[in-house]
Amino acid sequence: MIPGWLLVAVVAVAVVVVVGIWLSGLASRLNRLHIRTDSARVNLEGALQARAAVIGVLRPDLLPAVSRAGGLALRAEDMGARSDAENVLLQELDREDIASPSFVAASTKVDLAARFYNDAVGDTLGLRSRPVVRVFRLAGSAPLPAYYEAMSVGDSSQ
């Protein structure tokens, strides 16, 4: 017969191992979500640069504003500066610019990239908001991602 203290010790070790494996799985999932968010942000940056190039061709007079917007980096923790610069740039466009097929295609890519990025941010923030993730600091030193908020092309003529 197994002594009671040994049985308690074995059960305690088993519980610690199971909790450790579960926490490790959560940390891995959070890491994958951060990688997904970073990848989506890089794709959004590329789509914004492509649209800026189209705007530069359509409206050479807006090249300073295009350069200003493109000079602001998309950072995980602060998307507002770039978003504001992009919104200012879009407000400078007139109906003919917005109706251009090349601009519509580039803006569609930006809208899709922003949607994928914001979905990734939502998933990441959802997991990071769980108490167990905060208590055990499973996110490490990764910055808290921010949503990208920009007006859509149809809103720019207001």
N, C-alpha and C. Protein backbone atom coordinates (compact mmCIF):
# COMPACT_ATOMS: atom_id res chain seq x y z
N MET A 1 0.84 -1.18 0.00
CA MET A 1 0.00 0.00 0.00
C MET A 1 0.89 1.24 0.00
N ILE A 2 0.45 2.25 -0.77
CA ILE A 2 1.21 3.49 -0.94
C ILE A 2 0.87 4.43 0.23
N PRO A 3 1.91 5.01 0.83
CA PRO A 3 1.64 5.95 1.93
C PRO A 3 0.88 7.17 1.42
N GLY A 4 0.07 7.78 2.26
CA GLY A 4 -0.76 8.93 1.90
C GLY A 4 0.04 10.13 1.43
N TRP A 5 1.16 10.40 2.08
CA TRP A 5 1.97 11.55 1.71
C TRP A 5 2.57 11.39 0.31
N LEU A 6 2.90 10.14 -0.06
CA LEU A 6 3.46 9.89 -1.39
C LEU A 6 2.40 10.10 -2.46
N LEU A 7 1.19 9.65 -2.18
CA LEU A 7 0.08 9.83 -3.12
C LEU A 7 -0.21 11.32 -3.33
N VAL A 8 -0.21 12.09 -2.24
CA VAL A 8 -0.44 13.53 -2.33
C VAL A 8 0.68 14.19 -3.13
N ALA A 9 1.92 13.77 -2.91
CA ALA A 9 3.06 14.34 -3.64
C ALA A 9 2.96 14.04 -5.13
N VAL A 10 2.58 12.81 -5.49
CA VAL A 10 2.45 12.43 -6.90
C VAL A 10 1.33 13.23 -7.57
N VAL A 11 0.22 13.39 -6.90
CA VAL A 11 -0.90 14.15 -7.45
C VAL A 11 -0.49 15.63 -7.60
N ALA A 12 0.21 16.18 -6.62
CA ALA A 12 0.65 17.57 -6.69
C ALA A 12 1.61 17.78 -7.85
N VAL A 13 2.54 16.86 -8.04
CA VAL A 13 3.47 16.96 -9.17
C VAL A 13 2.72 16.86 -10.49
N ALA A 14 1.74 15.96 -10.56
CA ALA A 14 0.96 15.81 -11.79
C ALA A 14 0.18 17.09 -12.09
N VAL A 15 -0.39 17.71 -11.06
CA VAL A 15 -1.14 18.96 -11.27
C VAL A 15 -0.20 20.06 -11.74
N VAL A 16 0.98 20.17 -11.14
CA VAL A 16 1.96 21.19 -11.54
C VAL A 16 2.38 20.98 -12.99
N VAL A 17 2.61 19.73 -13.39
CA VAL A 17 3.01 19.43 -14.77
C VAL A 17 1.89 19.80 -15.74
N VAL A 18 0.65 19.45 -15.41
CA VAL A 18 -0.47 19.76 -16.30
C VAL A 18 -0.65 21.27 -16.43
N VAL A 19 -0.57 22.00 -15.32
CA VAL A 19 -0.70 23.46 -15.36
C VAL A 19 0.46 24.07 -16.15
N GLY A 20 1.66 23.54 -15.98
CA GLY A 20 2.81 24.03 -16.73
C GLY A 20 2.65 23.83 -18.22
N ILE A 21 2.16 22.66 -18.61
CA ILE A 21 1.93 22.39 -20.03
C ILE A 21 0.85 23.32 -20.58
N TRP A 22 -0.21 23.54 -19.82
CA TRP A 22 -1.29 24.44 -20.24
C TRP A 22 -0.77 25.86 -20.40
N LEU A 23 0.02 26.35 -19.43
CA LEU A 23 0.59 27.70 -19.52
C LEU A 23 1.55 27.82 -20.71
N SER A 24 2.31 26.78 -20.94
CA SER A 24 3.22 26.77 -22.08
C SER A 24 2.44 26.86 -23.39
N GLY A 25 1.34 26.14 -23.46
CA GLY A 25 0.48 26.20 -24.65
C GLY A 25 -0.10 27.59 -24.86
N LEU A 26 -0.54 28.23 -23.76
CA LEU A 26 -1.06 29.59 -23.87
C LEU A 26 0.03 30.56 -24.34
N ALA A 27 1.23 30.42 -23.79
CA ALA A 27 2.33 31.30 -24.19
C ALA A 27 2.67 31.09 -25.66
N SER A 28 2.65 29.86 -26.12
CA SER A 28 2.93 29.58 -27.54
C SER A 28 1.85 30.19 -28.43
N ARG A 29 0.60 30.07 -28.02
CA ARG A 29 -0.49 30.64 -28.81
C ARG A 29 -0.36 32.16 -28.86
N LEU A 30 -0.03 32.76 -27.74
CA LEU A 30 0.14 34.21 -27.70
C LEU A 30 1.30 34.64 -28.59
N ASN A 31 2.37 33.88 -28.58
CA ASN A 31 3.51 34.18 -29.45
C ASN A 31 3.10 34.12 -30.93
N ARG A 32 2.35 33.08 -31.29
CA ARG A 32 1.88 32.96 -32.67
C ARG A 32 0.97 34.14 -33.05
N LEU A 33 0.13 34.58 -32.10
CA LEU A 33 -0.74 35.73 -32.39
C LEU A 33 0.06 37.01 -32.58
N HIS A 34 1.12 37.18 -31.79
CA HIS A 34 1.96 38.35 -31.97
C HIS A 34 2.69 38.30 -33.32
N ILE A 35 3.13 37.13 -33.72
CA ILE A 35 3.77 36.98 -35.03
C ILE A 35 2.77 37.29 -36.14
N ARG A 36 1.54 36.80 -35.99
CA ARG A 36 0.49 37.08 -36.98
C ARG A 36 0.21 38.57 -37.05
N THR A 37 0.16 39.24 -35.91
CA THR A 37 -0.08 40.68 -35.88
C THR A 37 1.05 41.43 -36.56
N ASP A 38 2.29 41.04 -36.27
CA ASP A 38 3.45 41.69 -36.90
C ASP A 38 3.43 41.49 -38.41
N SER A 39 3.12 40.29 -38.85
CA SER A 39 3.06 40.00 -40.28
C SER A 39 1.96 40.82 -40.96
N ALA A 40 0.81 40.91 -40.32
CA ALA A 40 -0.29 41.69 -40.88
C ALA A 40 0.07 43.17 -40.93
N ARG A 41 0.82 43.65 -39.94
CA ARG A 41 1.24 45.05 -39.94
C ARG A 41 2.21 45.33 -41.09
N VAL A 42 3.11 44.39 -41.37
CA VAL A 42 4.05 44.54 -42.49
C VAL A 42 3.27 44.57 -43.81
N ASN A 43 2.26 43.70 -43.94
CA ASN A 43 1.44 43.70 -45.16
C ASN A 43 0.66 45.01 -45.30
N LEU A 44 0.17 45.54 -44.18
CA LEU A 44 -0.53 46.82 -44.22
C LEU A 44 0.41 47.94 -44.64
N GLU A 45 1.62 47.91 -44.13
CA GLU A 45 2.63 48.92 -44.52
C GLU A 45 2.88 48.86 -46.03
N GLY A 46 3.00 47.67 -46.58
CA GLY A 46 3.21 47.52 -48.02
C GLY A 46 2.04 48.04 -48.83
N ALA A 47 0.83 47.74 -48.37
CA ALA A 47 -0.36 48.22 -49.08
C ALA A 47 -0.45 49.74 -49.01
N LEU A 48 -0.11 50.32 -47.87
CA LEU A 48 -0.13 51.78 -47.75
C LEU A 48 0.92 52.43 -48.65
N GLN A 49 2.09 51.81 -48.75
CA GLN A 49 3.13 52.34 -49.64
C GLN A 49 2.70 52.25 -51.10
N ALA A 50 2.06 51.15 -51.46
CA ALA A 50 1.59 51.00 -52.85
C ALA A 50 0.53 52.05 -53.17
N ARG A 51 -0.38 52.30 -52.24
CA ARG A 51 -1.40 53.32 -52.47
C ARG A 51 -0.76 54.71 -52.53
N ALA A 52 0.24 54.95 -51.71
CA ALA A 52 0.94 56.24 -51.74
C ALA A 52 1.61 56.45 -53.09
N ALA A 53 2.17 55.39 -53.66
CA ALA A 53 2.79 55.51 -54.98
C ALA A 53 1.74 55.87 -56.03
N VAL A 54 0.57 55.28 -55.93
CA VAL A 54 -0.51 55.60 -56.87
C VAL A 54 -0.94 57.05 -56.70
N ILE A 55 -1.07 57.49 -55.46
CA ILE A 55 -1.46 58.89 -55.22
C ILE A 55 -0.39 59.83 -55.77
N GLY A 56 0.87 59.47 -55.60
CA GLY A 56 1.96 60.30 -56.12
C GLY A 56 1.91 60.44 -57.63
N VAL A 57 1.49 59.39 -58.33
CA VAL A 57 1.37 59.44 -59.79
C VAL A 57 0.14 60.25 -60.20
N LEU A 58 -0.97 60.03 -59.50
CA LEU A 58 -2.21 60.74 -59.84
C LEU A 58 -2.13 62.23 -59.51
N ARG A 59 -1.51 62.53 -58.38
CA ARG A 59 -1.45 63.91 -57.90
C ARG A 59 -0.04 64.27 -57.46
N PRO A 60 0.83 64.62 -58.40
CA PRO A 60 2.21 64.99 -58.04
C PRO A 60 2.28 66.15 -57.04
N ASP A 61 1.25 67.00 -57.03
CA ASP A 61 1.24 68.13 -56.08
C ASP A 61 1.12 67.66 -54.63
N LEU A 62 0.71 66.41 -54.41
CA LEU A 62 0.56 65.87 -53.06
C LEU A 62 1.78 65.09 -52.59
N LEU A 63 2.86 65.12 -53.36
CA LEU A 63 4.06 64.36 -52.97
C LEU A 63 4.59 64.71 -51.58
N PRO A 64 4.56 65.98 -51.15
CA PRO A 64 5.00 66.26 -49.77
C PRO A 64 4.13 65.56 -48.73
N ALA A 65 2.82 65.56 -48.93
CA ALA A 65 1.92 64.88 -47.99
C ALA A 65 2.11 63.37 -48.05
N VAL A 66 2.37 62.85 -49.25
CA VAL A 66 2.64 61.41 -49.40
C VAL A 66 3.91 61.05 -48.65
N SER A 67 4.93 61.88 -48.79
CA SER A 67 6.21 61.64 -48.10
C SER A 67 6.04 61.72 -46.59
N ARG A 68 5.25 62.69 -46.14
CA ARG A 68 5.00 62.83 -44.70
C ARG A 68 4.32 61.59 -44.14
N ALA A 69 3.29 61.14 -44.83
CA ALA A 69 2.56 59.96 -44.36
C ALA A 69 3.44 58.72 -44.42
N GLY A 70 4.18 58.56 -45.51
CA GLY A 70 5.05 57.40 -45.65
C GLY A 70 6.23 57.39 -44.70
N GLY A 71 6.60 58.56 -44.21
CA GLY A 71 7.73 58.66 -43.28
C GLY A 71 7.39 58.23 -41.87
N LEU A 72 6.11 58.08 -41.58
CA LEU A 72 5.70 57.66 -40.24
C LEU A 72 5.61 56.14 -40.19
N ALA A 73 6.35 55.55 -39.28
CA ALA A 73 6.37 54.09 -39.18
C ALA A 73 5.10 53.57 -38.53
N LEU A 74 4.69 52.39 -38.97
CA LEU A 74 3.59 51.69 -38.31
C LEU A 74 4.19 50.92 -37.14
N ARG A 75 3.91 51.36 -35.93
CA ARG A 75 4.42 50.67 -34.76
C ARG A 75 3.26 50.01 -34.05
N ALA A 76 3.52 48.83 -33.50
CA ALA A 76 2.45 48.05 -32.87
C ALA A 76 1.70 48.83 -31.81
N GLU A 77 2.42 49.60 -31.02
CA GLU A 77 1.78 50.27 -29.90
C GLU A 77 1.19 51.64 -30.25
N ASP A 78 1.50 52.17 -31.44
CA ASP A 78 0.99 53.49 -31.81
C ASP A 78 0.73 53.54 -33.31
N MET A 79 -0.48 53.27 -33.68
CA MET A 79 -0.85 53.31 -35.09
C MET A 79 -1.51 54.66 -35.44
N GLY A 80 -1.80 55.46 -34.43
CA GLY A 80 -2.56 56.69 -34.62
C GLY A 80 -1.89 57.73 -35.48
N ALA A 81 -0.58 57.91 -35.34
CA ALA A 81 0.11 58.95 -36.10
C ALA A 81 0.02 58.65 -37.60
N ARG A 82 0.28 57.42 -37.98
CA ARG A 82 0.22 57.06 -39.40
C ARG A 82 -1.21 57.11 -39.91
N SER A 83 -2.13 56.64 -39.11
CA SER A 83 -3.53 56.66 -39.49
C SER A 83 -4.02 58.08 -39.72
N ASP A 84 -3.64 58.99 -38.83
CA ASP A 84 -4.04 60.40 -39.00
C ASP A 84 -3.43 60.99 -40.26
N ALA A 85 -2.17 60.70 -40.53
CA ALA A 85 -1.51 61.22 -41.73
C ALA A 85 -2.17 60.67 -42.99
N GLU A 86 -2.53 59.40 -42.98
CA GLU A 86 -3.22 58.81 -44.13
C GLU A 86 -4.59 59.45 -44.33
N ASN A 87 -5.30 59.72 -43.24
CA ASN A 87 -6.62 60.35 -43.35
C ASN A 87 -6.51 61.75 -43.93
N VAL A 88 -5.50 62.51 -43.50
CA VAL A 88 -5.29 63.85 -44.05
C VAL A 88 -4.99 63.76 -45.55
N LEU A 89 -4.16 62.79 -45.92
CA LEU A 89 -3.83 62.60 -47.33
C LEU A 89 -5.07 62.26 -48.15
N LEU A 90 -5.91 61.37 -47.64
CA LEU A 90 -7.12 60.99 -48.37
C LEU A 90 -8.09 62.15 -48.52
N GLN A 91 -8.12 63.05 -47.55
CA GLN A 91 -9.02 64.20 -47.65
C GLN A 91 -8.60 65.17 -48.75
N GLU A 92 -7.36 65.12 -49.15
CA GLU A 92 -6.86 66.00 -50.21
C GLU A 92 -7.26 65.53 -51.61
N LEU A 93 -7.74 64.32 -51.72
CA LEU A 93 -8.09 63.76 -53.03
C LEU A 93 -9.47 64.24 -53.46
N ASP A 94 -9.66 64.40 -54.76
CA ASP A 94 -10.97 64.77 -55.26
C ASP A 94 -11.65 63.53 -55.86
N ARG A 95 -12.86 63.71 -56.33
CA ARG A 95 -13.66 62.58 -56.83
C ARG A 95 -13.00 61.85 -58.00
N GLU A 96 -12.33 62.60 -58.88
CA GLU A 96 -11.69 61.97 -60.03
C GLU A 96 -10.55 61.05 -59.57
N ASP A 97 -9.80 61.49 -58.56
CA ASP A 97 -8.71 60.66 -58.04
C ASP A 97 -9.25 59.38 -57.42
N ILE A 98 -10.31 59.54 -56.65
CA ILE A 98 -10.89 58.39 -55.96
C ILE A 98 -11.50 57.40 -56.95
N ALA A 99 -11.99 57.90 -58.09
CA ALA A 99 -12.62 57.04 -59.09
C ALA A 99 -11.60 56.34 -59.98
N SER A 100 -10.36 56.72 -59.91
CA SER A 100 -9.33 56.11 -60.74
C SER A 100 -9.21 54.61 -60.43
N PRO A 101 -9.20 53.76 -61.46
CA PRO A 101 -9.12 52.32 -61.22
C PRO A 101 -7.87 51.89 -60.44
N SER A 102 -6.76 52.56 -60.69
CA SER A 102 -5.55 52.18 -59.96
C SER A 102 -5.66 52.56 -58.49
N PHE A 103 -6.30 53.70 -58.20
CA PHE A 103 -6.48 54.09 -56.81
C PHE A 103 -7.47 53.17 -56.12
N VAL A 104 -8.54 52.81 -56.80
CA VAL A 104 -9.53 51.91 -56.21
C VAL A 104 -8.90 50.56 -55.88
N ALA A 105 -8.08 50.05 -56.78
CA ALA A 105 -7.42 48.76 -56.53
C ALA A 105 -6.47 48.86 -55.34
N ALA A 106 -5.68 49.93 -55.30
CA ALA A 106 -4.73 50.10 -54.20
C ALA A 106 -5.46 50.30 -52.87
N SER A 107 -6.55 51.04 -52.88
CA SER A 107 -7.30 51.28 -51.65
C SER A 107 -8.01 50.02 -51.16
N THR A 108 -8.45 49.20 -52.10
CA THR A 108 -9.06 47.94 -51.72
C THR A 108 -8.05 47.06 -51.00
N LYS A 109 -6.83 47.05 -51.50
CA LYS A 109 -5.77 46.27 -50.84
C LYS A 109 -5.47 46.82 -49.44
N VAL A 110 -5.49 48.14 -49.31
CA VAL A 110 -5.27 48.74 -47.98
C VAL A 110 -6.40 48.36 -47.04
N ASP A 111 -7.63 48.44 -47.52
CA ASP A 111 -8.78 48.08 -46.68
C ASP A 111 -8.71 46.63 -46.22
N LEU A 112 -8.36 45.74 -47.14
CA LEU A 112 -8.23 44.32 -46.76
C LEU A 112 -7.08 44.10 -45.78
N ALA A 113 -5.96 44.73 -46.04
CA ALA A 113 -4.81 44.58 -45.14
C ALA A 113 -5.13 45.14 -43.76
N ALA A 114 -5.84 46.26 -43.70
CA ALA A 114 -6.23 46.83 -42.41
C ALA A 114 -7.20 45.91 -41.68
N ARG A 115 -8.10 45.29 -42.42
CA ARG A 115 -9.05 44.37 -41.80
C ARG A 115 -8.33 43.15 -41.22
N PHE A 116 -7.39 42.59 -41.98
CA PHE A 116 -6.63 41.45 -41.47
C PHE A 116 -5.80 41.85 -40.25
N TYR A 117 -5.21 43.03 -40.30
CA TYR A 117 -4.40 43.51 -39.17
C TYR A 117 -5.29 43.70 -37.94
N ASN A 118 -6.42 44.37 -38.10
CA ASN A 118 -7.30 44.61 -36.96
C ASN A 118 -7.87 43.32 -36.39
N ASP A 119 -8.13 42.33 -37.24
CA ASP A 119 -8.57 41.02 -36.74
C ASP A 119 -7.48 40.38 -35.90
N ALA A 120 -6.25 40.46 -36.36
CA ALA A 120 -5.13 39.90 -35.60
C ALA A 120 -4.94 40.62 -34.28
N VAL A 121 -5.09 41.94 -34.29
CA VAL A 121 -4.98 42.72 -33.05
C VAL A 121 -6.09 42.32 -32.08
N GLY A 122 -7.30 42.17 -32.58
CA GLY A 122 -8.41 41.76 -31.72
C GLY A 122 -8.17 40.42 -31.06
N ASP A 123 -7.68 39.46 -31.84
CA ASP A 123 -7.39 38.14 -31.27
C ASP A 123 -6.27 38.22 -30.23
N THR A 124 -5.24 39.00 -30.53
CA THR A 124 -4.12 39.15 -29.60
C THR A 124 -4.56 39.83 -28.31
N LEU A 125 -5.31 40.91 -28.44
CA LEU A 125 -5.79 41.62 -27.25
C LEU A 125 -6.75 40.77 -26.44
N GLY A 126 -7.55 39.97 -27.13
CA GLY A 126 -8.47 39.08 -26.43
C GLY A 126 -7.74 38.09 -25.54
N LEU A 127 -6.68 37.49 -26.06
CA LEU A 127 -5.92 36.53 -25.26
C LEU A 127 -5.12 37.24 -24.18
N ARG A 128 -4.56 38.39 -24.51
CA ARG A 128 -3.76 39.12 -23.51
C ARG A 128 -4.60 39.67 -22.37
N SER A 129 -5.91 39.82 -22.57
CA SER A 129 -6.77 40.36 -21.52
C SER A 129 -7.16 39.30 -20.48
N ARG A 130 -6.88 38.05 -20.77
CA ARG A 130 -7.23 37.00 -19.81
C ARG A 130 -6.39 37.15 -18.54
N PRO A 131 -7.02 36.98 -17.38
CA PRO A 131 -6.28 37.15 -16.12
C PRO A 131 -5.07 36.23 -15.99
N VAL A 132 -5.19 34.98 -16.44
CA VAL A 132 -4.07 34.05 -16.30
C VAL A 132 -2.86 34.51 -17.12
N VAL A 133 -3.10 35.14 -18.26
CA VAL A 133 -2.01 35.65 -19.09
C VAL A 133 -1.34 36.83 -18.39
N ARG A 134 -2.14 37.67 -17.76
CA ARG A 134 -1.57 38.82 -17.05
C ARG A 134 -0.84 38.39 -15.79
N VAL A 135 -1.43 37.47 -15.01
CA VAL A 135 -0.83 37.04 -13.75
C VAL A 135 0.52 36.38 -13.99
N PHE A 136 0.59 35.49 -14.96
CA PHE A 136 1.84 34.77 -15.24
C PHE A 136 2.73 35.50 -16.25
N ARG A 137 2.31 36.70 -16.67
CA ARG A 137 3.09 37.55 -17.58
C ARG A 137 3.53 36.77 -18.83
N LEU A 138 2.58 36.08 -19.43
CA LEU A 138 2.89 35.24 -20.58
C LEU A 138 3.23 36.06 -21.83
N ALA A 139 2.85 37.32 -21.85
CA ALA A 139 3.15 38.17 -23.01
C ALA A 139 4.59 38.67 -22.98
N GLY A 140 5.25 38.51 -21.87
CA GLY A 140 6.63 38.98 -21.77
C GLY A 140 6.71 40.48 -21.95
N SER A 141 7.63 40.93 -22.77
CA SER A 141 7.81 42.37 -22.99
C SER A 141 7.25 42.82 -24.33
N ALA A 142 6.45 41.99 -24.96
CA ALA A 142 5.87 42.36 -26.26
C ALA A 142 4.94 43.56 -26.08
N PRO A 143 5.04 44.56 -26.98
CA PRO A 143 4.15 45.72 -26.85
C PRO A 143 2.70 45.34 -27.12
N LEU A 144 1.81 46.04 -26.47
CA LEU A 144 0.39 45.83 -26.66
C LEU A 144 0.00 46.45 -28.01
N PRO A 145 -0.50 45.65 -28.95
CA PRO A 145 -0.80 46.21 -30.28
C PRO A 145 -2.01 47.13 -30.23
N ALA A 146 -2.02 48.08 -31.16
CA ALA A 146 -3.14 49.04 -31.28
C ALA A 146 -3.83 48.82 -32.62
N TYR A 147 -5.10 49.15 -32.66
CA TYR A 147 -5.86 49.03 -33.90
C TYR A 147 -5.44 50.11 -34.89
N TYR A 148 -5.59 49.80 -36.18
CA TYR A 148 -5.37 50.79 -37.24
C TYR A 148 -6.74 51.34 -37.61
N GLU A 149 -6.93 52.62 -37.42
CA GLU A 149 -8.22 53.24 -37.72
C GLU A 149 -8.03 54.32 -38.77
N ALA A 150 -8.53 54.04 -39.93
CA ALA A 150 -8.47 55.01 -41.02
C ALA A 150 -9.82 55.02 -41.72
N MET A 151 -10.11 56.16 -42.32
CA MET A 151 -11.37 56.25 -43.04
C MET A 151 -11.27 55.42 -44.33
N SER A 152 -12.39 54.95 -44.76
CA SER A 152 -12.39 54.23 -46.03
C SER A 152 -12.44 55.24 -47.17
N VAL A 153 -12.17 54.77 -48.36
CA VAL A 153 -12.07 55.66 -49.52
C VAL A 153 -13.34 56.44 -49.76
N GLY A 154 -14.48 55.83 -49.59
CA GLY A 154 -15.75 56.51 -49.81
C GLY A 154 -16.00 57.63 -48.83
N ASP A 155 -15.35 57.60 -47.66
CA ASP A 155 -15.54 58.63 -46.66
C ASP A 155 -14.64 59.83 -46.89
N SER A 156 -13.66 59.72 -47.78
CA SER A 156 -12.65 60.77 -47.92
C SER A 156 -13.19 62.04 -48.58
N SER A 157 -14.31 61.99 -49.23
CA SER A 157 -14.82 63.18 -49.93
C SER A 157 -15.67 64.07 -49.02
N GLN A 158 -15.75 63.75 -47.76
CA GLN A 158 -16.57 64.53 -46.84
C GLN A 158 -15.87 65.78 -46.40
